[in-house]
Every structure is written in structure tokens, then in C-alpha cells.
Amino acid sequence: MRTSGRSLGLACFGLALGLVFNSLLGPLMLGVIEYRYTETFENQGIGLDAFVLVLAAPLLVAAGVLSLQRHLAAPFLALGPRPCRRT
């Protein structure tokens, strides 16, 4: 249990760092990465970058911290919401 909690925590931190790095290099901040899309799709990409910086990365960091503390909610927070299947 200790190893898996540490692994999940480090994976969450690494993923959050990679997502933030990618979003900062995009057209939202530095413009190093240029999207070759139409203006509408480019705006959606910029919105996705903003979503990552405001919501996704902080939740991944919180899941990483909880995982290192061996909290039971960490895996659920790391996975995020899943759509409900209606049958």
C-alpha cells in the first residue's frame, strides 16, 4: 500500500507539471506552441489551457498530496469525474 500511494502521488505531480508546462507554452501565455487550427478550434484549445491551469492541475496536486498521506480519497480525486452510463 505504501509504494502504490507514493507512486500515485508522484504520478499526479508529474502529470500536473507536464500539463501546466504545456499550457504555459501554448497561445494562452507564451505562444511558443502554435495551434494550426481554425480560429474557433484555436479558441477551444486556449480555453482548454485555461481549464488545465485553473482546475485540472490544482486537483492533481491535491490528489498527489492526499496520496502521499495515504488518504482513501486520493485515487478517486486523481481519476476525476466519469460520465454515468444509463442503461
PDB file of N, CA and C in Angstrom:
ATOM      1  N   MET A   1       0.829  -1.194   0.000  1.00  0.00           N
ATOM      2  CA  MET A   1       0.000   0.000   0.000  1.00  0.00           C
ATOM      3  C   MET A   1       0.867   1.249   0.000  1.00  0.00           C
ATOM      4  N   ARG A   2       1.954   1.246   0.728  1.00  0.00           N
ATOM      5  CA  ARG A   2       2.802   2.433   0.827  1.00  0.00           C
ATOM      6  C   ARG A   2       3.412   2.779  -0.528  1.00  0.00           C
ATOM      7  N   THR A   3       3.873   1.770  -1.262  1.00  0.00           N
ATOM      8  CA  THR A   3       4.504   2.005  -2.550  1.00  0.00           C
ATOM      9  C   THR A   3       3.504   2.534  -3.564  1.00  0.00           C
ATOM     10  N   SER A   4       2.306   1.966  -3.612  1.00  0.00           N
ATOM     11  CA  SER A   4       1.319   2.409  -4.588  1.00  0.00           C
ATOM     12  C   SER A   4       0.853   3.833  -4.295  1.00  0.00           C
ATOM     13  N   GLY A   5       0.738   4.193  -3.020  1.00  0.00           N
ATOM     14  CA  GLY A   5       0.353   5.557  -2.673  1.00  0.00           C
ATOM     15  C   GLY A   5       1.414   6.555  -3.089  1.00  0.00           C
ATOM     16  N   ARG A   6       2.664   6.176  -2.888  1.00  0.00           N
ATOM     17  CA  ARG A   6       3.758   7.060  -3.293  1.00  0.00           C
ATOM     18  C   ARG A   6       3.833   7.163  -4.812  1.00  0.00           C
ATOM     19  N   SER A   7       3.642   6.055  -5.495  1.00  0.00           N
ATOM     20  CA  SER A   7       3.680   6.058  -6.956  1.00  0.00           C
ATOM     21  C   SER A   7       2.563   6.919  -7.534  1.00  0.00           C
ATOM     22  N   LEU A   8       1.370   6.788  -6.988  1.00  0.00           N
ATOM     23  CA  LEU A   8       0.254   7.602  -7.460  1.00  0.00           C
ATOM     24  C   LEU A   8       0.518   9.076  -7.196  1.00  0.00           C
ATOM     25  N   GLY A   9       1.049   9.391  -6.037  1.00  0.00           N
ATOM     26  CA  GLY A   9       1.349  10.786  -5.714  1.00  0.00           C
ATOM     27  C   GLY A   9       2.370  11.382  -6.661  1.00  0.00           C
ATOM     28  N   LEU A  10       3.438  10.652  -6.924  1.00  0.00           N
ATOM     29  CA  LEU A  10       4.461  11.153  -7.844  1.00  0.00           C
ATOM     30  C   LEU A  10       3.924  11.257  -9.271  1.00  0.00           C
ATOM     31  N   ALA A  11       3.080  10.307  -9.664  1.00  0.00           N
ATOM     32  CA  ALA A  11       2.476  10.370 -11.000  1.00  0.00           C
ATOM     33  C   ALA A  11       1.558  11.586 -11.131  1.00  0.00           C
ATOM     34  N   CYS A  12       0.810  11.880 -10.092  1.00  0.00           N
ATOM     35  CA  CYS A  12      -0.069  13.059 -10.117  1.00  0.00           C
ATOM     36  C   CYS A  12       0.746  14.346 -10.216  1.00  0.00           C
ATOM     37  N   PHE A  13       1.825  14.430  -9.451  1.00  0.00           N
ATOM     38  CA  PHE A  13       2.680  15.618  -9.524  1.00  0.00           C
ATOM     39  C   PHE A  13       3.309  15.760 -10.907  1.00  0.00           C
ATOM     40  N   GLY A  14       3.780  14.655 -11.466  1.00  0.00           N
ATOM     41  CA  GLY A  14       4.391  14.698 -12.796  1.00  0.00           C
ATOM     42  C   GLY A  14       3.403  15.096 -13.876  1.00  0.00           C
ATOM     43  N   LEU A  15       2.197  14.548 -13.805  1.00  0.00           N
ATOM     44  CA  LEU A  15       1.173  14.891 -14.784  1.00  0.00           C
ATOM     45  C   LEU A  15       0.764  16.352 -14.658  1.00  0.00           C
ATOM     46  N   ALA A  16       0.601  16.825 -13.435  1.00  0.00           N
ATOM     47  CA  ALA A  16       0.249  18.242 -13.234  1.00  0.00           C
ATOM     48  C   ALA A  16       1.343  19.150 -13.784  1.00  0.00           C
ATOM     49  N   LEU A  17       2.587  18.807 -13.525  1.00  0.00           N
ATOM     50  CA  LEU A  17       3.697  19.614 -14.027  1.00  0.00           C
ATOM     51  C   LEU A  17       3.729  19.633 -15.552  1.00  0.00           C
ATOM     52  N   GLY A  18       3.537  18.469 -16.170  1.00  0.00           N
ATOM     53  CA  GLY A  18       3.526  18.401 -17.629  1.00  0.00           C
ATOM     54  C   GLY A  18       2.376  19.188 -18.243  1.00  0.00           C
ATOM     55  N   LEU A  19       1.197  19.100 -17.646  1.00  0.00           N
ATOM     56  CA  LEU A  19       0.047  19.838 -18.158  1.00  0.00           C
ATOM     57  C   LEU A  19       0.240  21.348 -18.029  1.00  0.00           C
ATOM     58  N   VAL A  20       0.759  21.776 -16.894  1.00  0.00           N
ATOM     59  CA  VAL A  20       0.998  23.210 -16.699  1.00  0.00           C
ATOM     60  C   VAL A  20       2.063  23.712 -17.665  1.00  0.00           C
ATOM     61  N   PHE A  21       3.126  22.950 -17.839  1.00  0.00           N
ATOM     62  CA  PHE A  21       4.194  23.330 -18.759  1.00  0.00           C
ATOM     63  C   PHE A  21       3.651  23.464 -20.184  1.00  0.00           C
ATOM     64  N   ASN A  22       2.843  22.504 -20.607  1.00  0.00           N
ATOM     65  CA  ASN A  22       2.241  22.543 -21.937  1.00  0.00           C
ATOM     66  C   ASN A  22       1.311  23.741 -22.093  1.00  0.00           C
ATOM     67  N   SER A  23       0.512  24.017 -21.073  1.00  0.00           N
ATOM     68  CA  SER A  23      -0.423  25.139 -21.147  1.00  0.00           C
ATOM     69  C   SER A  23       0.296  26.480 -21.159  1.00  0.00           C
ATOM     70  N   LEU A  24       1.385  26.596 -20.414  1.00  0.00           N
ATOM     71  CA  LEU A  24       2.138  27.854 -20.401  1.00  0.00           C
ATOM     72  C   LEU A  24       2.835  28.115 -21.728  1.00  0.00           C
ATOM     73  N   LEU A  25       3.244  27.065 -22.420  1.00  0.00           N
ATOM     74  CA  LEU A  25       3.906  27.233 -23.711  1.00  0.00           C
ATOM     75  C   LEU A  25       2.925  27.515 -24.842  1.00  0.00           C
ATOM     76  N   GLY A  26       1.651  27.267 -24.626  1.00  0.00           N
ATOM     77  CA  GLY A  26       0.636  27.472 -25.651  1.00  0.00           C
ATOM     78  C   GLY A  26       0.304  28.940 -25.863  1.00  0.00           C
ATOM     79  N   PRO A  27      -0.658  29.197 -26.753  1.00  0.00           N
ATOM     80  CA  PRO A  27      -1.007  30.583 -27.097  1.00  0.00           C
ATOM     81  C   PRO A  27      -1.651  31.374 -25.953  1.00  0.00           C
ATOM     82  N   LEU A  28      -2.064  30.692 -24.911  1.00  0.00           N
ATOM     83  CA  LEU A  28      -2.659  31.406 -23.769  1.00  0.00           C
ATOM     84  C   LEU A  28      -1.634  32.279 -23.053  1.00  0.00           C
ATOM     85  N   MET A  29      -0.392  31.812 -22.954  1.00  0.00           N
ATOM     86  CA  MET A  29       0.636  32.550 -22.219  1.00  0.00           C
ATOM     87  C   MET A  29       1.802  32.982 -23.108  1.00  0.00           C
ATOM     88  N   LEU A  30       2.682  32.055 -23.448  1.00  0.00           N
ATOM     89  CA  LEU A  30       3.936  32.407 -24.123  1.00  0.00           C
ATOM     90  C   LEU A  30       3.865  32.335 -25.647  1.00  0.00           C
ATOM     91  N   GLY A  31       2.985  31.530 -26.180  1.00  0.00           N
ATOM     92  CA  GLY A  31       2.838  31.431 -27.624  1.00  0.00           C
ATOM     93  C   GLY A  31       3.936  30.646 -28.330  1.00  0.00           C
ATOM     94  N   VAL A  32       4.702  29.852 -27.591  1.00  0.00           N
ATOM     95  CA  VAL A  32       5.743  29.040 -28.207  1.00  0.00           C
ATOM     96  C   VAL A  32       5.103  27.943 -29.063  1.00  0.00           C
ATOM     97  N   ILE A  33       4.026  27.339 -28.559  1.00  0.00           N
ATOM     98  CA  ILE A  33       3.271  26.344 -29.303  1.00  0.00           C
ATOM     99  C   ILE A  33       2.158  27.063 -30.050  1.00  0.00           C
ATOM    100  N   GLU A  34       2.098  26.850 -31.355  1.00  0.00           N
ATOM    101  CA  GLU A  34       1.041  27.459 -32.165  1.00  0.00           C
ATOM    102  C   GLU A  34       0.117  26.361 -32.664  1.00  0.00           C
ATOM    103  N   TYR A  35      -1.172  26.593 -32.507  1.00  0.00           N
ATOM    104  CA  TYR A  35      -2.157  25.634 -32.999  1.00  0.00           C
ATOM    105  C   TYR A  35      -2.438  25.935 -34.464  1.00  0.00           C
ATOM    106  N   ARG A  36      -2.435  24.918 -35.286  1.00  0.00           N
ATOM    107  CA  ARG A  36      -2.745  25.093 -36.705  1.00  0.00           C
ATOM    108  C   ARG A  36      -4.184  24.674 -36.959  1.00  0.00           C
ATOM    109  N   TYR A  37      -5.076  25.400 -36.349  1.00  0.00           N
ATOM    110  CA  TYR A  37      -6.496  25.126 -36.450  1.00  0.00           C
ATOM    111  C   TYR A  37      -7.199  26.382 -36.929  1.00  0.00           C
ATOM    112  N   THR A  38      -8.488  26.242 -37.171  1.00  0.00           N
ATOM    113  CA  THR A  38      -9.300  27.415 -37.456  1.00  0.00           C
ATOM    114  C   THR A  38      -9.405  28.240 -36.176  1.00  0.00           C
ATOM    115  N   GLU A  39      -9.885  29.441 -36.301  1.00  0.00           N
ATOM    116  CA  GLU A  39      -9.960  30.334 -35.139  1.00  0.00           C
ATOM    117  C   GLU A  39     -10.857  29.751 -34.040  1.00  0.00           C
ATOM    118  N   THR A  40     -11.940  29.096 -34.430  1.00  0.00           N
ATOM    119  CA  THR A  40     -12.848  28.509 -33.450  1.00  0.00           C
ATOM    120  C   THR A  40     -12.155  27.409 -32.648  1.00  0.00           C
ATOM    121  N   PHE A  41     -11.465  26.509 -33.342  1.00  0.00           N
ATOM    122  CA  PHE A  41     -10.767  25.435 -32.650  1.00  0.00           C
ATOM    123  C   PHE A  41      -9.597  25.962 -31.822  1.00  0.00           C
ATOM    124  N   GLU A  42      -8.957  27.005 -32.296  1.00  0.00           N
ATOM    125  CA  GLU A  42      -7.864  27.601 -31.524  1.00  0.00           C
ATOM    126  C   GLU A  42      -8.398  28.181 -30.221  1.00  0.00           C
ATOM    127  N   ASN A  43      -9.555  28.828 -30.280  1.00  0.00           N
ATOM    128  CA  ASN A  43     -10.158  29.364 -29.055  1.00  0.00           C
ATOM    129  C   ASN A  43     -10.523  28.245 -28.086  1.00  0.00           C
ATOM    130  N   GLN A  44     -10.959  27.107 -28.607  1.00  0.00           N
ATOM    131  CA  GLN A  44     -11.261  25.971 -27.735  1.00  0.00           C
ATOM    132  C   GLN A  44      -9.982  25.445 -27.087  1.00  0.00           C
ATOM    133  N   GLY A  45      -8.891  25.424 -27.837  1.00  0.00           N
ATOM    134  CA  GLY A  45      -7.609  24.998 -27.271  1.00  0.00           C
ATOM    135  C   GLY A  45      -7.126  25.939 -26.187  1.00  0.00           C
ATOM    136  N   ILE A  46      -7.309  27.233 -26.404  1.00  0.00           N
ATOM    137  CA  ILE A  46      -6.931  28.220 -25.389  1.00  0.00           C
ATOM    138  C   ILE A  46      -7.792  28.044 -24.139  1.00  0.00           C
ATOM    139  N   GLY A  47      -9.077  27.771 -24.331  1.00  0.00           N
ATOM    140  CA  GLY A  47      -9.964  27.505 -23.195  1.00  0.00           C
ATOM    141  C   GLY A  47      -9.552  26.261 -22.429  1.00  0.00           C
ATOM    142  N   LEU A  48      -9.111  25.245 -23.155  1.00  0.00           N
ATOM    143  CA  LEU A  48      -8.637  24.030 -22.506  1.00  0.00           C
ATOM    144  C   LEU A  48      -7.375  24.305 -21.696  1.00  0.00           C
ATOM    145  N   ASP A  49      -6.484  25.134 -22.231  1.00  0.00           N
ATOM    146  CA  ASP A  49      -5.285  25.512 -21.474  1.00  0.00           C
ATOM    147  C   ASP A  49      -5.654  26.240 -20.189  1.00  0.00           C
ATOM    148  N   ALA A  50      -6.632  27.130 -20.267  1.00  0.00           N
ATOM    149  CA  ALA A  50      -7.082  27.850 -19.075  1.00  0.00           C
ATOM    150  C   ALA A  50      -7.702  26.888 -18.061  1.00  0.00           C
ATOM    151  N   PHE A  51      -8.481  25.926 -18.545  1.00  0.00           N
ATOM    152  CA  PHE A  51      -9.094  24.930 -17.664  1.00  0.00           C
ATOM    153  C   PHE A  51      -8.035  24.121 -16.928  1.00  0.00           C
ATOM    154  N   VAL A  52      -6.981  23.759 -17.644  1.00  0.00           N
ATOM    155  CA  VAL A  52      -5.890  22.998 -17.024  1.00  0.00           C
ATOM    156  C   VAL A  52      -5.247  23.802 -15.909  1.00  0.00           C
ATOM    157  N   LEU A  53      -4.984  25.082 -16.170  1.00  0.00           N
ATOM    158  CA  LEU A  53      -4.297  25.914 -15.173  1.00  0.00           C
ATOM    159  C   LEU A  53      -5.173  26.213 -13.958  1.00  0.00           C
ATOM    160  N   VAL A  54      -6.473  26.352 -14.167  1.00  0.00           N
ATOM    161  CA  VAL A  54      -7.368  26.757 -13.082  1.00  0.00           C
ATOM    162  C   VAL A  54      -7.920  25.566 -12.296  1.00  0.00           C
ATOM    163  N   LEU A  55      -8.206  24.464 -12.982  1.00  0.00           N
ATOM    164  CA  LEU A  55      -8.898  23.379 -12.298  1.00  0.00           C
ATOM    165  C   LEU A  55      -8.138  22.044 -12.295  1.00  0.00           C
ATOM    166  N   ALA A  56      -7.700  21.585 -13.444  1.00  0.00           N
ATOM    167  CA  ALA A  56      -7.143  20.234 -13.540  1.00  0.00           C
ATOM    168  C   ALA A  56      -5.826  20.081 -12.770  1.00  0.00           C
ATOM    169  N   ALA A  57      -4.891  20.989 -12.985  1.00  0.00           N
ATOM    170  CA  ALA A  57      -3.589  20.878 -12.310  1.00  0.00           C
ATOM    171  C   ALA A  57      -3.709  21.009 -10.786  1.00  0.00           C
ATOM    172  N   PRO A  58      -4.478  21.979 -10.265  1.00  0.00           N
ATOM    173  CA  PRO A  58      -4.617  22.032  -8.802  1.00  0.00           C
ATOM    174  C   PRO A  58      -5.261  20.770  -8.210  1.00  0.00           C
ATOM    175  N   LEU A  59      -6.222  20.175  -8.923  1.00  0.00           N
ATOM    176  CA  LEU A  59      -6.826  18.934  -8.428  1.00  0.00           C
ATOM    177  C   LEU A  59      -5.825  17.790  -8.439  1.00  0.00           C
ATOM    178  N   LEU A  60      -4.967  17.741  -9.449  1.00  0.00           N
ATOM    179  CA  LEU A  60      -3.932  16.705  -9.484  1.00  0.00           C
ATOM    180  C   LEU A  60      -2.926  16.881  -8.353  1.00  0.00           C
ATOM    181  N   VAL A  61      -2.571  18.110  -8.050  1.00  0.00           N
ATOM    182  CA  VAL A  61      -1.649  18.356  -6.934  1.00  0.00           C
ATOM    183  C   VAL A  61      -2.305  17.940  -5.619  1.00  0.00           C
ATOM    184  N   ALA A  62      -3.582  18.277  -5.452  1.00  0.00           N
ATOM    185  CA  ALA A  62      -4.298  17.878  -4.234  1.00  0.00           C
ATOM    186  C   ALA A  62      -4.365  16.352  -4.129  1.00  0.00           C
ATOM    187  N   ALA A  63      -4.618  15.669  -5.244  1.00  0.00           N
ATOM    188  CA  ALA A  63      -4.651  14.204  -5.233  1.00  0.00           C
ATOM    189  C   ALA A  63      -3.275  13.641  -4.895  1.00  0.00           C
ATOM    190  N   GLY A  64      -2.219  14.277  -5.386  1.00  0.00           N
ATOM    191  CA  GLY A  64      -0.868  13.825  -5.067  1.00  0.00           C
ATOM    192  C   GLY A  64      -0.546  13.964  -3.597  1.00  0.00           C
ATOM    193  N   VAL A  65      -0.926  15.083  -3.019  1.00  0.00           N
ATOM    194  CA  VAL A  65      -0.682  15.296  -1.581  1.00  0.00           C
ATOM    195  C   VAL A  65      -1.473  14.287  -0.749  1.00  0.00           C
ATOM    196  N   LEU A  66      -2.743  14.094  -1.105  1.00  0.00           N
ATOM    197  CA  LEU A  66      -3.561  13.130  -0.373  1.00  0.00           C
ATOM    198  C   LEU A  66      -3.012  11.714  -0.521  1.00  0.00           C
ATOM    199  N   SER A  67      -2.498  11.409  -1.695  1.00  0.00           N
ATOM    200  CA  SER A  67      -1.941  10.078  -1.916  1.00  0.00           C
ATOM    201  C   SER A  67      -0.703   9.836  -1.061  1.00  0.00           C
ATOM    202  N   LEU A  68       0.143  10.836  -0.946  1.00  0.00           N
ATOM    203  CA  LEU A  68       1.330  10.694  -0.101  1.00  0.00           C
ATOM    204  C   LEU A  68       0.957  10.549   1.372  1.00  0.00           C
ATOM    205  N   GLN A  69      -0.203  11.094   1.741  1.00  0.00           N
ATOM    206  CA  GLN A  69      -0.690  10.952   3.114  1.00  0.00           C
ATOM    207  C   GLN A  69      -1.535   9.682   3.288  1.00  0.00           C
ATOM    208  N   ARG A  70      -1.616   8.882   2.241  1.00  0.00           N
ATOM    209  CA  ARG A  70      -2.377   7.632   2.215  1.00  0.00           C
ATOM    210  C   ARG A  70      -3.857   7.838   2.543  1.00  0.00           C
ATOM    211  N   HIS A  71      -4.428   8.896   2.017  1.00  0.00           N
ATOM    212  CA  HIS A  71      -5.851   9.175   2.198  1.00  0.00           C
ATOM    213  C   HIS A  71      -6.644   8.347   1.193  1.00  0.00           C
ATOM    214  N   LEU A  72      -7.777   7.828   1.603  1.00  0.00           N
ATOM    215  CA  LEU A  72      -8.567   6.956   0.738  1.00  0.00           C
ATOM    216  C   LEU A  72      -9.202   7.687  -0.446  1.00  0.00           C
ATOM    217  N   ALA A  73      -9.365   8.989  -0.358  1.00  0.00           N
ATOM    218  CA  ALA A  73      -9.998   9.749  -1.442  1.00  0.00           C
ATOM    219  C   ALA A  73      -9.035  10.068  -2.580  1.00  0.00           C
ATOM    220  N   ALA A  74      -7.752   9.845  -2.390  1.00  0.00           N
ATOM    221  CA  ALA A  74      -6.753  10.235  -3.393  1.00  0.00           C
ATOM    222  C   ALA A  74      -6.980   9.590  -4.755  1.00  0.00           C
ATOM    223  N   PRO A  75      -7.185   8.273  -4.848  1.00  0.00           N
ATOM    224  CA  PRO A  75      -7.387   7.686  -6.181  1.00  0.00           C
ATOM    225  C   PRO A  75      -8.631   8.212  -6.887  1.00  0.00           C
ATOM    226  N   PHE A  76      -9.681   8.470  -6.127  1.00  0.00           N
ATOM    227  CA  PHE A  76     -10.902   8.980  -6.728  1.00  0.00           C
ATOM    228  C   PHE A  76     -10.720  10.406  -7.242  1.00  0.00           C
ATOM    229  N   LEU A  77      -9.994  11.215  -6.501  1.00  0.00           N
ATOM    230  CA  LEU A  77      -9.717  12.577  -6.934  1.00  0.00           C
ATOM    231  C   LEU A  77      -8.772  12.581  -8.134  1.00  0.00           C
ATOM    232  N   ALA A  78      -7.842  11.662  -8.168  1.00  0.00           N
ATOM    233  CA  ALA A  78      -6.893  11.587  -9.277  1.00  0.00           C
ATOM    234  C   ALA A  78      -7.579  11.159 -10.572  1.00  0.00           C
ATOM    235  N   LEU A  79      -8.564  10.299 -10.483  1.00  0.00           N
ATOM    236  CA  LEU A  79      -9.262   9.842 -11.675  1.00  0.00           C
ATOM    237  C   LEU A  79     -10.218  10.877 -12.232  1.00  0.00           C
ATOM    238  N   GLY A  80     -10.759  11.722 -11.401  1.00  0.00           N
ATOM    239  CA  GLY A  80     -11.701  12.743 -11.843  1.00  0.00           C
ATOM    240  C   GLY A  80     -13.070  12.155 -12.081  1.00  0.00           C
ATOM    241  N   PRO A  81     -14.014  13.020 -12.441  1.00  0.00           N
ATOM    242  CA  PRO A  81     -15.383  12.537 -12.660  1.00  0.00           C
ATOM    243  C   PRO A  81     -15.479  11.686 -13.921  1.00  0.00           C
ATOM    244  N   ARG A  82     -16.309  10.690 -13.844  1.00  0.00           N
ATOM    245  CA  ARG A  82     -16.561   9.841 -15.007  1.00  0.00           C
ATOM    246  C   ARG A  82     -18.027   9.966 -15.380  1.00  0.00           C
ATOM    247  N   PRO A  83     -18.326   9.944 -16.666  1.00  0.00           N
ATOM    248  CA  PRO A  83     -19.730  10.042 -17.071  1.00  0.00           C
ATOM    249  C   PRO A  83     -20.511   8.814 -16.613  1.00  0.00           C
ATOM    250  N   CYS A  84     -21.716   9.038 -16.284  1.00  0.00           N
ATOM    251  CA  CYS A  84     -22.576   7.965 -15.803  1.00  0.00           C
ATOM    252  C   CYS A  84     -23.235   7.287 -17.017  1.00  0.00           C
ATOM    253  N   ARG A  85     -23.182   5.975 -17.056  1.00  0.00           N
ATOM    254  CA  ARG A  85     -23.793   5.240 -18.159  1.00  0.00           C
ATOM    255  C   ARG A  85     -25.242   4.908 -17.799  1.00  0.00           C
ATOM    256  N   ARG A  86     -26.106   5.284 -18.675  1.00  0.00           N
ATOM    257  CA  ARG A  86     -27.529   4.955 -18.469  1.00  0.00           C
ATOM    258  C   ARG A  86     -27.865   3.748 -19.312  1.00  0.00           C
ATOM    259  N   THR A  87     -28.554   2.824 -18.703  1.00  0.00           N
ATOM    260  CA  THR A  87     -28.922   1.627 -19.455  1.00  0.00           C
ATOM    261  C   THR A  87     -30.402   1.537 -19.658  1.00  0.00           C
TER     262      THR A  87
END
